Amino acid sequence: MRQSQFLTYYFMAAHPGCTLTDMTALKGFTRDRLNISPEQVQIFTPTPSTYATLMYCTEQDPFTGTLLFVEKNPARKQRQKEIVTARPRPGKKLKPRKHPRPISWARSDG
């Protein structure tokens, strides 16, 4: 039996280096280029043994040593998420997006 499978976007707010300006730009990108309005956005949570957690703790890029903005205030982290998940204004509809080419997920495992 063949089941339908769907892909979805994975968005994260308050990742180390991410600002309100970045979230506003992401909202514009998802609206204007992807023609979607995200409903699910994860707020970054540090996890052991990842570069992102190293960046969160040190507030530096681990490869260049450049200082990074890291949002650590829970209310401002939530604000980053809310920017991306904001619903379109009433009367403003998203245009259906036409994919430039069909995607084939046919398996070729013999």
N, C-alpha and C. Protein backbone atom coordinates (compact mmCIF):
# COMPACT_ATOMS: atom_id res chain seq x y z
N MET A 1 0.84 -1.16 0.00
CA MET A 1 0.00 0.00 0.00
C MET A 1 0.90 1.25 0.00
N ARG A 2 0.57 2.19 -0.84
CA ARG A 2 1.36 3.41 -0.96
C ARG A 2 0.69 4.55 -0.19
N GLN A 3 1.42 5.20 0.67
CA GLN A 3 0.87 6.30 1.44
C GLN A 3 1.37 7.63 0.89
N SER A 4 0.52 8.64 0.96
CA SER A 4 0.94 9.98 0.56
C SER A 4 1.90 10.53 1.60
N GLN A 5 2.93 11.22 1.12
CA GLN A 5 3.89 11.86 2.01
C GLN A 5 3.99 13.32 1.63
N PHE A 6 4.15 14.17 2.62
CA PHE A 6 4.21 15.59 2.38
C PHE A 6 5.43 16.18 3.07
N LEU A 7 6.00 17.17 2.44
CA LEU A 7 7.11 17.91 3.04
C LEU A 7 6.56 19.20 3.63
N THR A 8 7.20 19.66 4.69
CA THR A 8 6.81 20.94 5.27
C THR A 8 8.07 21.71 5.61
N TYR A 9 7.92 23.00 5.78
CA TYR A 9 9.05 23.84 6.12
C TYR A 9 9.30 23.76 7.63
N TYR A 10 10.55 23.95 8.02
CA TYR A 10 10.93 23.93 9.43
C TYR A 10 11.56 25.28 9.73
N PHE A 11 10.89 26.09 10.55
CA PHE A 11 11.38 27.42 10.88
C PHE A 11 11.73 27.49 12.35
N MET A 12 12.77 28.26 12.66
CA MET A 12 13.20 28.41 14.03
C MET A 12 13.39 29.89 14.34
N ALA A 13 12.88 30.31 15.48
CA ALA A 13 13.04 31.68 15.95
C ALA A 13 14.10 31.71 17.05
N ALA A 14 14.74 32.84 17.21
CA ALA A 14 15.70 33.09 18.29
C ALA A 14 16.93 32.20 18.21
N HIS A 15 17.28 31.75 17.01
CA HIS A 15 18.54 31.02 16.83
C HIS A 15 19.68 32.00 17.06
N PRO A 16 20.81 31.57 17.61
CA PRO A 16 21.92 32.50 17.82
C PRO A 16 22.27 33.25 16.53
N GLY A 17 22.36 34.57 16.66
CA GLY A 17 22.65 35.42 15.51
C GLY A 17 21.40 35.99 14.88
N CYS A 18 20.23 35.54 15.28
CA CYS A 18 18.97 35.95 14.68
C CYS A 18 18.36 37.13 15.43
N THR A 19 17.91 38.14 14.68
CA THR A 19 17.34 39.35 15.26
C THR A 19 15.88 39.51 14.82
N LEU A 20 15.21 40.50 15.39
CA LEU A 20 13.84 40.82 14.95
C LEU A 20 13.82 41.18 13.47
N THR A 21 14.85 41.84 13.01
CA THR A 21 14.95 42.20 11.59
C THR A 21 15.00 40.94 10.72
N ASP A 22 15.74 39.94 11.17
CA ASP A 22 15.82 38.67 10.44
C ASP A 22 14.45 37.99 10.39
N MET A 23 13.73 38.02 11.50
CA MET A 23 12.40 37.39 11.53
C MET A 23 11.42 38.13 10.63
N THR A 24 11.52 39.44 10.58
CA THR A 24 10.68 40.22 9.67
C THR A 24 11.00 39.88 8.22
N ALA A 25 12.28 39.73 7.92
CA ALA A 25 12.68 39.35 6.57
C ALA A 25 12.18 37.94 6.23
N LEU A 26 12.25 37.02 7.19
CA LEU A 26 11.75 35.66 6.97
C LEU A 26 10.25 35.69 6.71
N LYS A 27 9.51 36.49 7.47
CA LYS A 27 8.07 36.60 7.25
C LYS A 27 7.79 37.09 5.83
N GLY A 28 8.53 38.10 5.40
CA GLY A 28 8.36 38.61 4.03
C GLY A 28 8.68 37.55 2.99
N PHE A 29 9.75 36.78 3.22
CA PHE A 29 10.13 35.73 2.29
C PHE A 29 9.06 34.65 2.20
N THR A 30 8.55 34.21 3.36
CA THR A 30 7.54 33.15 3.33
C THR A 30 6.25 33.64 2.67
N ARG A 31 5.93 34.91 2.86
CA ARG A 31 4.72 35.47 2.28
C ARG A 31 4.89 35.71 0.77
N ASP A 32 6.00 36.36 0.39
CA ASP A 32 6.17 36.80 -0.99
C ASP A 32 6.73 35.73 -1.92
N ARG A 33 7.64 34.91 -1.45
CA ARG A 33 8.29 33.93 -2.32
C ARG A 33 7.71 32.53 -2.18
N LEU A 34 7.36 32.13 -0.96
CA LEU A 34 6.82 30.78 -0.75
C LEU A 34 5.30 30.77 -0.76
N ASN A 35 4.69 31.95 -0.64
CA ASN A 35 3.22 32.08 -0.59
C ASN A 35 2.60 31.22 0.50
N ILE A 36 3.23 31.27 1.68
CA ILE A 36 2.69 30.57 2.84
C ILE A 36 2.70 31.51 4.04
N SER A 37 1.94 31.15 5.03
CA SER A 37 1.96 31.86 6.31
C SER A 37 2.20 30.79 7.38
N PRO A 38 3.44 30.66 7.85
CA PRO A 38 3.76 29.58 8.79
C PRO A 38 2.89 29.60 10.03
N GLU A 39 2.48 28.41 10.44
CA GLU A 39 1.71 28.25 11.66
C GLU A 39 2.56 27.67 12.78
N GLN A 40 3.63 27.00 12.41
CA GLN A 40 4.49 26.37 13.42
C GLN A 40 5.91 26.88 13.27
N VAL A 41 6.42 27.45 14.34
CA VAL A 41 7.80 27.93 14.39
C VAL A 41 8.33 27.53 15.76
N GLN A 42 9.49 26.91 15.78
CA GLN A 42 10.09 26.49 17.04
C GLN A 42 11.01 27.58 17.57
N ILE A 43 10.97 27.82 18.86
CA ILE A 43 11.93 28.72 19.49
C ILE A 43 13.17 27.91 19.83
N PHE A 44 14.33 28.44 19.47
CA PHE A 44 15.59 27.73 19.67
C PHE A 44 15.76 27.30 21.12
N THR A 45 16.15 26.05 21.31
CA THR A 45 16.47 25.50 22.62
C THR A 45 17.88 24.91 22.55
N PRO A 46 18.79 25.38 23.38
CA PRO A 46 20.14 24.82 23.35
C PRO A 46 20.14 23.32 23.66
N THR A 47 20.90 22.58 22.90
CA THR A 47 21.05 21.14 23.14
C THR A 47 22.54 20.80 23.18
N PRO A 48 22.92 19.83 23.96
CA PRO A 48 24.35 19.52 24.12
C PRO A 48 25.05 19.15 22.82
N SER A 49 26.30 19.49 22.76
CA SER A 49 27.21 19.07 21.69
C SER A 49 26.83 19.57 20.30
N THR A 50 26.30 20.79 20.21
CA THR A 50 26.00 21.38 18.90
C THR A 50 26.70 22.72 18.78
N TYR A 51 27.01 23.11 17.54
CA TYR A 51 27.60 24.42 17.31
C TYR A 51 26.63 25.52 17.73
N ALA A 52 25.34 25.30 17.51
CA ALA A 52 24.36 26.32 17.87
C ALA A 52 24.37 26.59 19.38
N THR A 53 24.52 25.56 20.18
CA THR A 53 24.58 25.76 21.63
C THR A 53 25.87 26.46 22.02
N LEU A 54 26.96 26.12 21.36
CA LEU A 54 28.22 26.82 21.60
C LEU A 54 28.05 28.31 21.29
N MET A 55 27.38 28.61 20.18
CA MET A 55 27.11 29.99 19.80
C MET A 55 26.23 30.67 20.84
N TYR A 56 25.23 29.96 21.34
CA TYR A 56 24.31 30.50 22.34
C TYR A 56 25.06 30.86 23.63
N CYS A 57 25.91 29.96 24.08
CA CYS A 57 26.63 30.16 25.34
C CYS A 57 27.72 31.22 25.26
N THR A 58 28.47 31.23 24.17
CA THR A 58 29.61 32.13 24.06
C THR A 58 29.26 33.46 23.36
N GLU A 59 28.11 33.49 22.66
CA GLU A 59 27.70 34.65 21.87
C GLU A 59 28.76 35.01 20.83
N GLN A 60 29.38 33.96 20.27
CA GLN A 60 30.40 34.13 19.24
C GLN A 60 30.23 33.09 18.15
N ASP A 61 30.64 33.44 16.94
CA ASP A 61 30.71 32.47 15.86
C ASP A 61 31.88 31.55 16.17
N PRO A 62 31.67 30.25 16.24
CA PRO A 62 32.76 29.34 16.65
C PRO A 62 33.89 29.24 15.62
N PHE A 63 33.66 29.65 14.41
CA PHE A 63 34.67 29.53 13.36
C PHE A 63 35.47 30.81 13.17
N THR A 64 34.85 31.96 13.43
CA THR A 64 35.54 33.24 13.20
C THR A 64 35.79 34.02 14.48
N GLY A 65 35.08 33.68 15.55
CA GLY A 65 35.20 34.43 16.79
C GLY A 65 34.41 35.73 16.80
N THR A 66 33.69 35.99 15.71
CA THR A 66 32.89 37.20 15.61
C THR A 66 31.77 37.17 16.64
N LEU A 67 31.54 38.31 17.31
CA LEU A 67 30.46 38.38 18.29
C LEU A 67 29.11 38.29 17.58
N LEU A 68 28.17 37.58 18.23
CA LEU A 68 26.82 37.39 17.69
C LEU A 68 25.80 37.94 18.66
N PHE A 69 24.69 38.43 18.10
CA PHE A 69 23.56 38.76 18.94
C PHE A 69 22.87 37.44 19.30
N VAL A 70 22.60 37.25 20.58
CA VAL A 70 21.89 36.05 21.04
C VAL A 70 20.76 36.51 21.96
N GLU A 71 19.53 36.25 21.52
CA GLU A 71 18.37 36.63 22.33
C GLU A 71 18.19 35.61 23.44
N LYS A 72 18.22 36.08 24.68
CA LYS A 72 18.05 35.17 25.81
C LYS A 72 16.83 35.52 26.64
N ASN A 73 16.17 36.63 26.35
CA ASN A 73 14.97 37.04 27.07
C ASN A 73 13.77 36.26 26.54
N PRO A 74 13.08 35.50 27.38
CA PRO A 74 11.97 34.66 26.89
C PRO A 74 10.86 35.44 26.17
N ALA A 75 10.53 36.62 26.65
CA ALA A 75 9.47 37.41 26.00
C ALA A 75 9.91 37.87 24.61
N ARG A 76 11.17 38.23 24.46
CA ARG A 76 11.65 38.68 23.14
C ARG A 76 11.84 37.49 22.20
N LYS A 77 12.16 36.32 22.75
CA LYS A 77 12.20 35.11 21.91
C LYS A 77 10.80 34.84 21.35
N GLN A 78 9.80 34.94 22.22
CA GLN A 78 8.42 34.73 21.80
C GLN A 78 8.02 35.75 20.74
N ARG A 79 8.49 36.99 20.88
CA ARG A 79 8.18 38.03 19.89
C ARG A 79 8.74 37.65 18.52
N GLN A 80 9.95 37.10 18.48
CA GLN A 80 10.51 36.65 17.20
C GLN A 80 9.60 35.62 16.55
N LYS A 81 9.11 34.69 17.35
CA LYS A 81 8.21 33.65 16.83
C LYS A 81 6.92 34.27 16.32
N GLU A 82 6.36 35.21 17.07
CA GLU A 82 5.09 35.82 16.70
C GLU A 82 5.18 36.59 15.39
N ILE A 83 6.33 37.17 15.12
CA ILE A 83 6.50 37.89 13.85
C ILE A 83 6.29 36.94 12.68
N VAL A 84 6.88 35.77 12.76
CA VAL A 84 6.80 34.81 11.65
C VAL A 84 5.42 34.16 11.56
N THR A 85 4.78 33.93 12.69
CA THR A 85 3.49 33.23 12.67
C THR A 85 2.29 34.17 12.55
N ALA A 86 2.54 35.48 12.44
CA ALA A 86 1.44 36.43 12.33
C ALA A 86 0.57 36.09 11.12
N ARG A 87 -0.73 36.14 11.30
CA ARG A 87 -1.67 35.82 10.22
C ARG A 87 -1.79 37.01 9.28
N PRO A 88 -2.06 36.77 8.00
CA PRO A 88 -2.28 37.88 7.06
C PRO A 88 -3.46 38.73 7.50
N ARG A 89 -3.41 40.00 7.16
CA ARG A 89 -4.52 40.89 7.48
C ARG A 89 -5.78 40.43 6.77
N PRO A 90 -6.95 40.67 7.39
CA PRO A 90 -8.20 40.30 6.72
C PRO A 90 -8.29 40.94 5.34
N GLY A 91 -8.75 40.16 4.38
CA GLY A 91 -8.87 40.66 3.01
C GLY A 91 -7.62 40.48 2.18
N LYS A 92 -6.49 40.17 2.81
CA LYS A 92 -5.25 39.95 2.08
C LYS A 92 -5.04 38.45 1.95
N LYS A 93 -5.23 37.94 0.75
CA LYS A 93 -5.11 36.50 0.52
C LYS A 93 -3.76 36.17 -0.08
N LEU A 94 -3.25 35.01 0.27
CA LEU A 94 -2.03 34.52 -0.36
C LEU A 94 -2.37 33.96 -1.72
N LYS A 95 -1.52 34.26 -2.68
CA LYS A 95 -1.72 33.72 -4.02
C LYS A 95 -1.23 32.28 -4.05
N PRO A 96 -1.95 31.40 -4.77
CA PRO A 96 -1.44 30.03 -4.87
C PRO A 96 -0.09 30.02 -5.56
N ARG A 97 0.80 29.23 -5.05
CA ARG A 97 2.15 29.16 -5.60
C ARG A 97 2.23 28.04 -6.62
N LYS A 98 2.79 28.37 -7.76
CA LYS A 98 3.03 27.36 -8.78
C LYS A 98 4.48 26.92 -8.66
N HIS A 99 4.67 25.64 -8.45
CA HIS A 99 6.03 25.13 -8.34
C HIS A 99 6.65 25.15 -9.73
N PRO A 100 7.92 25.57 -9.84
CA PRO A 100 8.55 25.68 -11.16
C PRO A 100 8.66 24.36 -11.92
N ARG A 101 8.73 23.26 -11.23
CA ARG A 101 8.78 21.96 -11.89
C ARG A 101 8.23 20.91 -10.94
N PRO A 102 7.62 19.87 -11.47
CA PRO A 102 7.09 18.83 -10.59
C PRO A 102 8.22 18.09 -9.87
N ILE A 103 7.92 17.65 -8.69
CA ILE A 103 8.88 16.88 -7.91
C ILE A 103 8.48 15.42 -7.95
N SER A 104 9.41 14.57 -8.30
CA SER A 104 9.14 13.15 -8.34
C SER A 104 9.81 12.48 -7.15
N TRP A 105 9.03 11.72 -6.40
CA TRP A 105 9.57 11.02 -5.24
C TRP A 105 9.60 9.52 -5.49
N ALA A 106 9.63 9.16 -6.76
CA ALA A 106 9.64 7.74 -7.10
C ALA A 106 10.92 7.09 -6.56
N ARG A 107 10.75 5.95 -5.97
CA ARG A 107 11.90 5.23 -5.44
C ARG A 107 12.47 4.31 -6.50
N SER A 108 13.76 4.16 -6.48
CA SER A 108 14.40 3.27 -7.45
C SER A 108 15.27 2.26 -6.71
N ASP A 109 14.64 1.53 -5.81
CA ASP A 109 15.42 0.57 -5.03
C ASP A 109 15.17 -0.87 -5.49
N GLY A 110 14.89 -0.98 -6.77
CA GLY A 110 14.90 -2.29 -7.36
C GLY A 110 13.67 -3.04 -7.42
